[in-house]
Amino acid sequence: MKLWLLERTNEVGYDEYDAVVVRARSEVEARSIVQNARYYQGAWASDENVKCTQLTAKGTAEIILGSFNAG
């Protein structure tokens, strides 16, 4: 399994998720998991609105995701 960071690239409103981390075998599976999840419908269904990046443990110490978009 791999970790995938999926980020919305279109406009995000209040009380919406703008990013999510998913454990999946592939990018296709990661996108499918998010598109079929109850809380991530709508804009998440379009591959054009979502950037998908495989995460690795390599690199410098840094924050990977800090997502705050309260309404």
PDB file of N, CA and C in Angstrom:
ATOM      1  N   MET A   1       0.836  -1.186   0.000  1.00  0.00           N
ATOM      2  CA  MET A   1       0.000   0.000   0.000  1.00  0.00           C
ATOM      3  C   MET A   1       0.879   1.247   0.000  1.00  0.00           C
ATOM      4  N   LYS A   2       0.326   2.313  -0.556  1.00  0.00           N
ATOM      5  CA  LYS A   2       1.018   3.599  -0.618  1.00  0.00           C
ATOM      6  C   LYS A   2       0.108   4.670  -0.040  1.00  0.00           C
ATOM      7  N   LEU A   3       0.711   5.802   0.330  1.00  0.00           N
ATOM      8  CA  LEU A   3      -0.067   6.947   0.799  1.00  0.00           C
ATOM      9  C   LEU A   3      -0.170   7.971  -0.322  1.00  0.00           C
ATOM     10  N   TRP A   4      -1.364   8.535  -0.470  1.00  0.00           N
ATOM     11  CA  TRP A   4      -1.637   9.507  -1.523  1.00  0.00           C
ATOM     12  C   TRP A   4      -2.249  10.758  -0.918  1.00  0.00           C
ATOM     13  N   LEU A   5      -1.740  11.917  -1.330  1.00  0.00           N
ATOM     14  CA  LEU A   5      -2.299  13.204  -0.935  1.00  0.00           C
ATOM     15  C   LEU A   5      -3.150  13.704  -2.100  1.00  0.00           C
ATOM     16  N   LEU A   6      -4.438  13.884  -1.860  1.00  0.00           N
ATOM     17  CA  LEU A   6      -5.338  14.419  -2.871  1.00  0.00           C
ATOM     18  C   LEU A   6      -5.766  15.815  -2.432  1.00  0.00           C
ATOM     19  N   GLU A   7      -5.592  16.800  -3.329  1.00  0.00           N
ATOM     20  CA  GLU A   7      -5.887  18.188  -3.017  1.00  0.00           C
ATOM     21  C   GLU A   7      -6.810  18.772  -4.075  1.00  0.00           C
ATOM     22  N   ARG A   8      -7.826  19.474  -3.639  1.00  0.00           N
ATOM     23  CA  ARG A   8      -8.710  20.163  -4.574  1.00  0.00           C
ATOM     24  C   ARG A   8      -7.948  21.297  -5.238  1.00  0.00           C
ATOM     25  N   THR A   9      -8.141  21.484  -6.519  1.00  0.00           N
ATOM     26  CA  THR A   9      -7.481  22.565  -7.254  1.00  0.00           C
ATOM     27  C   THR A   9      -8.472  23.649  -7.677  1.00  0.00           C
ATOM     28  N   ASN A  10      -9.752  23.391  -7.464  1.00  0.00           N
ATOM     29  CA  ASN A  10     -10.759  24.402  -7.783  1.00  0.00           C
ATOM     30  C   ASN A  10     -11.127  25.155  -6.506  1.00  0.00           C
ATOM     31  N   GLU A  11     -12.045  26.092  -6.612  1.00  0.00           N
ATOM     32  CA  GLU A  11     -12.444  26.888  -5.456  1.00  0.00           C
ATOM     33  C   GLU A  11     -13.140  26.013  -4.417  1.00  0.00           C
ATOM     34  N   VAL A  12     -12.765  26.215  -3.165  1.00  0.00           N
ATOM     35  CA  VAL A  12     -13.336  25.438  -2.058  1.00  0.00           C
ATOM     36  C   VAL A  12     -14.116  26.396  -1.167  1.00  0.00           C
ATOM     37  N   GLY A  13     -15.352  26.035  -0.878  1.00  0.00           N
ATOM     38  CA  GLY A  13     -16.191  26.871  -0.030  1.00  0.00           C
ATOM     39  C   GLY A  13     -16.059  26.504   1.438  1.00  0.00           C
ATOM     40  N   TYR A  14     -16.857  27.171   2.257  1.00  0.00           N
ATOM     41  CA  TYR A  14     -16.885  26.871   3.685  1.00  0.00           C
ATOM     42  C   TYR A  14     -17.423  25.467   3.920  1.00  0.00           C
ATOM     43  N   ASP A  15     -16.937  24.856   4.965  1.00  0.00           N
ATOM     44  CA  ASP A  15     -17.392  23.531   5.385  1.00  0.00           C
ATOM     45  C   ASP A  15     -17.213  22.470   4.307  1.00  0.00           C
ATOM     46  N   GLU A  16     -16.158  22.596   3.524  1.00  0.00           N
ATOM     47  CA  GLU A  16     -15.798  21.600   2.521  1.00  0.00           C
ATOM     48  C   GLU A  16     -14.379  21.125   2.783  1.00  0.00           C
ATOM     49  N   TYR A  17     -14.094  19.902   2.435  1.00  0.00           N
ATOM     50  CA  TYR A  17     -12.741  19.386   2.521  1.00  0.00           C
ATOM     51  C   TYR A  17     -11.941  19.892   1.326  1.00  0.00           C
ATOM     52  N   ASP A  18     -10.705  20.295   1.568  1.00  0.00           N
ATOM     53  CA  ASP A  18      -9.857  20.725   0.457  1.00  0.00           C
ATOM     54  C   ASP A  18      -8.685  19.783   0.222  1.00  0.00           C
ATOM     55  N   ALA A  19      -8.473  18.828   1.121  1.00  0.00           N
ATOM     56  CA  ALA A  19      -7.396  17.849   0.958  1.00  0.00           C
ATOM     57  C   ALA A  19      -7.692  16.618   1.804  1.00  0.00           C
ATOM     58  N   VAL A  20      -7.124  15.498   1.384  1.00  0.00           N
ATOM     59  CA  VAL A  20      -7.310  14.247   2.104  1.00  0.00           C
ATOM     60  C   VAL A  20      -6.113  13.341   1.815  1.00  0.00           C
ATOM     61  N   VAL A  21      -5.728  12.523   2.787  1.00  0.00           N
ATOM     62  CA  VAL A  21      -4.668  11.529   2.606  1.00  0.00           C
ATOM     63  C   VAL A  21      -5.329  10.156   2.608  1.00  0.00           C
ATOM     64  N   VAL A  22      -4.962   9.331   1.621  1.00  0.00           N
ATOM     65  CA  VAL A  22      -5.596   8.030   1.420  1.00  0.00           C
ATOM     66  C   VAL A  22      -4.526   6.943   1.321  1.00  0.00           C
ATOM     67  N   ARG A  23      -4.799   5.785   1.895  1.00  0.00           N
ATOM     68  CA  ARG A  23      -3.936   4.616   1.711  1.00  0.00           C
ATOM     69  C   ARG A  23      -4.568   3.762   0.620  1.00  0.00           C
ATOM     70  N   ALA A  24      -3.796   3.502  -0.466  1.00  0.00           N
ATOM     71  CA  ALA A  24      -4.311   2.721  -1.593  1.00  0.00           C
ATOM     72  C   ALA A  24      -3.140   2.140  -2.377  1.00  0.00           C
ATOM     73  N   ARG A  25      -3.443   1.183  -3.227  1.00  0.00           N
ATOM     74  CA  ARG A  25      -2.401   0.545  -4.044  1.00  0.00           C
ATOM     75  C   ARG A  25      -1.932   1.433  -5.189  1.00  0.00           C
ATOM     76  N   SER A  26      -2.833   2.289  -5.715  1.00  0.00           N
ATOM     77  CA  SER A  26      -2.507   3.101  -6.888  1.00  0.00           C
ATOM     78  C   SER A  26      -3.241   4.434  -6.822  1.00  0.00           C
ATOM     79  N   GLU A  27      -2.846   5.355  -7.701  1.00  0.00           N
ATOM     80  CA  GLU A  27      -3.540   6.640  -7.789  1.00  0.00           C
ATOM     81  C   GLU A  27      -5.001   6.424  -8.195  1.00  0.00           C
ATOM     82  N   VAL A  28      -5.226   5.523  -9.122  1.00  0.00           N
ATOM     83  CA  VAL A  28      -6.592   5.236  -9.566  1.00  0.00           C
ATOM     84  C   VAL A  28      -7.449   4.767  -8.397  1.00  0.00           C
ATOM     85  N   GLU A  29      -6.913   3.856  -7.587  1.00  0.00           N
ATOM     86  CA  GLU A  29      -7.668   3.370  -6.429  1.00  0.00           C
ATOM     87  C   GLU A  29      -7.880   4.488  -5.411  1.00  0.00           C
ATOM     88  N   ALA A  30      -6.870   5.322  -5.187  1.00  0.00           N
ATOM     89  CA  ALA A  30      -6.998   6.430  -4.235  1.00  0.00           C
ATOM     90  C   ALA A  30      -8.110   7.384  -4.663  1.00  0.00           C
ATOM     91  N   ARG A  31      -8.126   7.740  -5.938  1.00  0.00           N
ATOM     92  CA  ARG A  31      -9.170   8.621  -6.451  1.00  0.00           C
ATOM     93  C   ARG A  31     -10.553   7.975  -6.310  1.00  0.00           C
ATOM     94  N   SER A  32     -10.632   6.689  -6.578  1.00  0.00           N
ATOM     95  CA  SER A  32     -11.898   5.971  -6.482  1.00  0.00           C
ATOM     96  C   SER A  32     -12.417   5.949  -5.050  1.00  0.00           C
ATOM     97  N   ILE A  33     -11.527   5.726  -4.102  1.00  0.00           N
ATOM     98  CA  ILE A  33     -11.918   5.702  -2.688  1.00  0.00           C
ATOM     99  C   ILE A  33     -12.525   7.045  -2.289  1.00  0.00           C
ATOM    100  N   VAL A  34     -11.879   8.138  -2.691  1.00  0.00           N
ATOM    101  CA  VAL A  34     -12.379   9.468  -2.328  1.00  0.00           C
ATOM    102  C   VAL A  34     -13.693   9.767  -3.047  1.00  0.00           C
ATOM    103  N   GLN A  35     -13.762   9.438  -4.324  1.00  0.00           N
ATOM    104  CA  GLN A  35     -14.979   9.722  -5.095  1.00  0.00           C
ATOM    105  C   GLN A  35     -16.188   8.961  -4.558  1.00  0.00           C
ATOM    106  N   ASN A  36     -15.957   7.808  -3.968  1.00  0.00           N
ATOM    107  CA  ASN A  36     -17.053   6.989  -3.449  1.00  0.00           C
ATOM    108  C   ASN A  36     -17.328   7.191  -1.965  1.00  0.00           C
ATOM    109  N   ALA A  37     -16.493   7.972  -1.294  1.00  0.00           N
ATOM    110  CA  ALA A  37     -16.681   8.211   0.136  1.00  0.00           C
ATOM    111  C   ALA A  37     -17.832   9.181   0.362  1.00  0.00           C
ATOM    112  N   ARG A  38     -18.538   8.967   1.420  1.00  0.00           N
ATOM    113  CA  ARG A  38     -19.738   9.746   1.740  1.00  0.00           C
ATOM    114  C   ARG A  38     -19.471  11.250   1.868  1.00  0.00           C
ATOM    115  N   TYR A  39     -18.378  11.645   2.506  1.00  0.00           N
ATOM    116  CA  TYR A  39     -18.126  13.051   2.800  1.00  0.00           C
ATOM    117  C   TYR A  39     -17.356  13.783   1.710  1.00  0.00           C
ATOM    118  N   TYR A  40     -16.910  13.097   0.688  1.00  0.00           N
ATOM    119  CA  TYR A  40     -16.054  13.727  -0.315  1.00  0.00           C
ATOM    120  C   TYR A  40     -16.687  13.736  -1.701  1.00  0.00           C
ATOM    121  N   GLN A  41     -17.993  13.843  -1.780  1.00  0.00           N
ATOM    122  CA  GLN A  41     -18.653  13.845  -3.079  1.00  0.00           C
ATOM    123  C   GLN A  41     -18.621  15.240  -3.688  1.00  0.00           C
ATOM    124  N   GLY A  42     -19.205  15.409  -4.836  1.00  0.00           N
ATOM    125  CA  GLY A  42     -19.233  16.713  -5.483  1.00  0.00           C
ATOM    126  C   GLY A  42     -17.989  16.920  -6.320  1.00  0.00           C
ATOM    127  N   ALA A  43     -17.247  17.979  -6.040  1.00  0.00           N
ATOM    128  CA  ALA A  43     -16.070  18.336  -6.835  1.00  0.00           C
ATOM    129  C   ALA A  43     -14.997  17.253  -6.823  1.00  0.00           C
ATOM    130  N   TRP A  44     -14.994  16.403  -5.803  1.00  0.00           N
ATOM    131  CA  TRP A  44     -13.995  15.337  -5.717  1.00  0.00           C
ATOM    132  C   TRP A  44     -14.173  14.291  -6.817  1.00  0.00           C
ATOM    133  N   ALA A  45     -15.346  14.236  -7.446  1.00  0.00           N
ATOM    134  CA  ALA A  45     -15.612  13.235  -8.475  1.00  0.00           C
ATOM    135  C   ALA A  45     -14.906  13.560  -9.789  1.00  0.00           C
ATOM    136  N   SER A  46     -14.449  14.784  -9.952  1.00  0.00           N
ATOM    137  CA  SER A  46     -13.793  15.193 -11.191  1.00  0.00           C
ATOM    138  C   SER A  46     -12.284  15.142 -11.044  1.00  0.00           C
ATOM    139  N   ASP A  47     -11.624  14.342 -11.871  1.00  0.00           N
ATOM    140  CA  ASP A  47     -10.159  14.278 -11.831  1.00  0.00           C
ATOM    141  C   ASP A  47      -9.528  15.626 -12.155  1.00  0.00           C
ATOM    142  N   GLU A  48     -10.245  16.479 -12.898  1.00  0.00           N
ATOM    143  CA  GLU A  48      -9.730  17.800 -13.260  1.00  0.00           C
ATOM    144  C   GLU A  48      -9.614  18.717 -12.049  1.00  0.00           C
ATOM    145  N   ASN A  49     -10.407  18.475 -11.009  1.00  0.00           N
ATOM    146  CA  ASN A  49     -10.418  19.330  -9.820  1.00  0.00           C
ATOM    147  C   ASN A  49      -9.567  18.812  -8.675  1.00  0.00           C
ATOM    148  N   VAL A  50      -8.874  17.694  -8.894  1.00  0.00           N
ATOM    149  CA  VAL A  50      -8.134  17.070  -7.799  1.00  0.00           C
ATOM    150  C   VAL A  50      -6.722  16.699  -8.251  1.00  0.00           C
ATOM    151  N   LYS A  51      -5.742  17.219  -7.514  1.00  0.00           N
ATOM    152  CA  LYS A  51      -4.337  16.865  -7.746  1.00  0.00           C
ATOM    153  C   LYS A  51      -4.003  15.696  -6.830  1.00  0.00           C
ATOM    154  N   CYS A  52      -3.342  14.672  -7.361  1.00  0.00           N
ATOM    155  CA  CYS A  52      -3.014  13.484  -6.581  1.00  0.00           C
ATOM    156  C   CYS A  52      -1.501  13.285  -6.586  1.00  0.00           C
ATOM    157  N   THR A  53      -0.905  13.214  -5.396  1.00  0.00           N
ATOM    158  CA  THR A  53       0.540  13.085  -5.249  1.00  0.00           C
ATOM    159  C   THR A  53       0.847  11.915  -4.328  1.00  0.00           C
ATOM    160  N   GLN A  54       1.748  11.034  -4.754  1.00  0.00           N
ATOM    161  CA  GLN A  54       2.158   9.936  -3.886  1.00  0.00           C
ATOM    162  C   GLN A  54       3.109  10.482  -2.832  1.00  0.00           C
ATOM    163  N   LEU A  55       2.862  10.152  -1.578  1.00  0.00           N
ATOM    164  CA  LEU A  55       3.725  10.581  -0.476  1.00  0.00           C
ATOM    165  C   LEU A  55       4.799   9.536  -0.218  1.00  0.00           C
ATOM    166  N   THR A  56       5.971  10.001   0.133  1.00  0.00           N
ATOM    167  CA  THR A  56       7.056   9.108   0.521  1.00  0.00           C
ATOM    168  C   THR A  56       7.654   9.602   1.829  1.00  0.00           C
ATOM    169  N   ALA A  57       8.435   8.768   2.461  1.00  0.00           N
ATOM    170  CA  ALA A  57       9.082   9.148   3.716  1.00  0.00           C
ATOM    171  C   ALA A  57      10.371   9.935   3.467  1.00  0.00           C
ATOM    172  N   LYS A  58      10.795  10.005   2.230  1.00  0.00           N
ATOM    173  CA  LYS A  58      12.034  10.724   1.899  1.00  0.00           C
ATOM    174  C   LYS A  58      11.800  12.221   1.927  1.00  0.00           C
ATOM    175  N   GLY A  59      12.861  12.964   2.237  1.00  0.00           N
ATOM    176  CA  GLY A  59      12.776  14.416   2.229  1.00  0.00           C
ATOM    177  C   GLY A  59      13.065  15.002   3.588  1.00  0.00           C
ATOM    178  N   THR A  60      12.940  16.321   3.650  1.00  0.00           N
ATOM    179  CA  THR A  60      13.217  17.036   4.889  1.00  0.00           C
ATOM    180  C   THR A  60      12.018  16.961   5.822  1.00  0.00           C
ATOM    181  N   ALA A  61      12.254  17.231   7.100  1.00  0.00           N
ATOM    182  CA  ALA A  61      11.170  17.273   8.075  1.00  0.00           C
ATOM    183  C   ALA A  61      10.286  18.471   7.762  1.00  0.00           C
ATOM    184  N   GLU A  62       8.999  18.218   7.588  1.00  0.00           N
ATOM    185  CA  GLU A  62       8.078  19.299   7.245  1.00  0.00           C
ATOM    186  C   GLU A  62       6.647  18.863   7.516  1.00  0.00           C
ATOM    187  N   ILE A  63       5.745  19.820   7.552  1.00  0.00           N
ATOM    188  CA  ILE A  63       4.320  19.523   7.659  1.00  0.00           C
ATOM    189  C   ILE A  63       3.847  19.075   6.290  1.00  0.00           C
ATOM    190  N   ILE A  64       3.153  17.964   6.223  1.00  0.00           N
ATOM    191  CA  ILE A  64       2.639  17.464   4.954  1.00  0.00           C
ATOM    192  C   ILE A  64       1.246  18.017   4.671  1.00  0.00           C
ATOM    193  N   LEU A  65       0.395  18.066   5.683  1.00  0.00           N
ATOM    194  CA  LEU A  65      -0.966  18.553   5.465  1.00  0.00           C
ATOM    195  C   LEU A  65      -1.468  19.269   6.712  1.00  0.00           C
ATOM    196  N   GLY A  66      -1.880  20.487   6.521  1.00  0.00           N
ATOM    197  CA  GLY A  66      -2.562  21.260   7.548  1.00  0.00           C
ATOM    198  C   GLY A  66      -3.760  21.900   6.862  1.00  0.00           C
ATOM    199  N   SER A  67      -4.915  21.312   6.974  1.00  0.00           N
ATOM    200  CA  SER A  67      -6.082  21.721   6.186  1.00  0.00           C
ATOM    201  C   SER A  67      -7.141  22.335   7.100  1.00  0.00           C
ATOM    202  N   PHE A  68      -7.391  23.631   6.927  1.00  0.00           N
ATOM    203  CA  PHE A  68      -8.373  24.328   7.759  1.00  0.00           C
ATOM    204  C   PHE A  68      -9.261  25.187   6.869  1.00  0.00           C
ATOM    205  N   ASN A  69     -10.538  24.875   6.822  1.00  0.00           N
ATOM    206  CA  ASN A  69     -11.469  25.607   5.984  1.00  0.00           C
ATOM    207  C   ASN A  69     -12.847  25.627   6.649  1.00  0.00           C
ATOM    208  N   ALA A  70     -12.901  26.152   7.856  1.00  0.00           N
ATOM    209  CA  ALA A  70     -14.145  26.148   8.632  1.00  0.00           C
ATOM    210  C   ALA A  70     -15.120  27.204   8.133  1.00  0.00           C
ATOM    211  N   GLY A  71     -16.375  27.007   8.439  1.00  0.00           N
ATOM    212  CA  GLY A  71     -17.406  27.937   7.974  1.00  0.00           C
ATOM    213  C   GLY A  71     -17.975  28.790   9.023  1.00  0.00           C
TER     214      GLY A  71
END
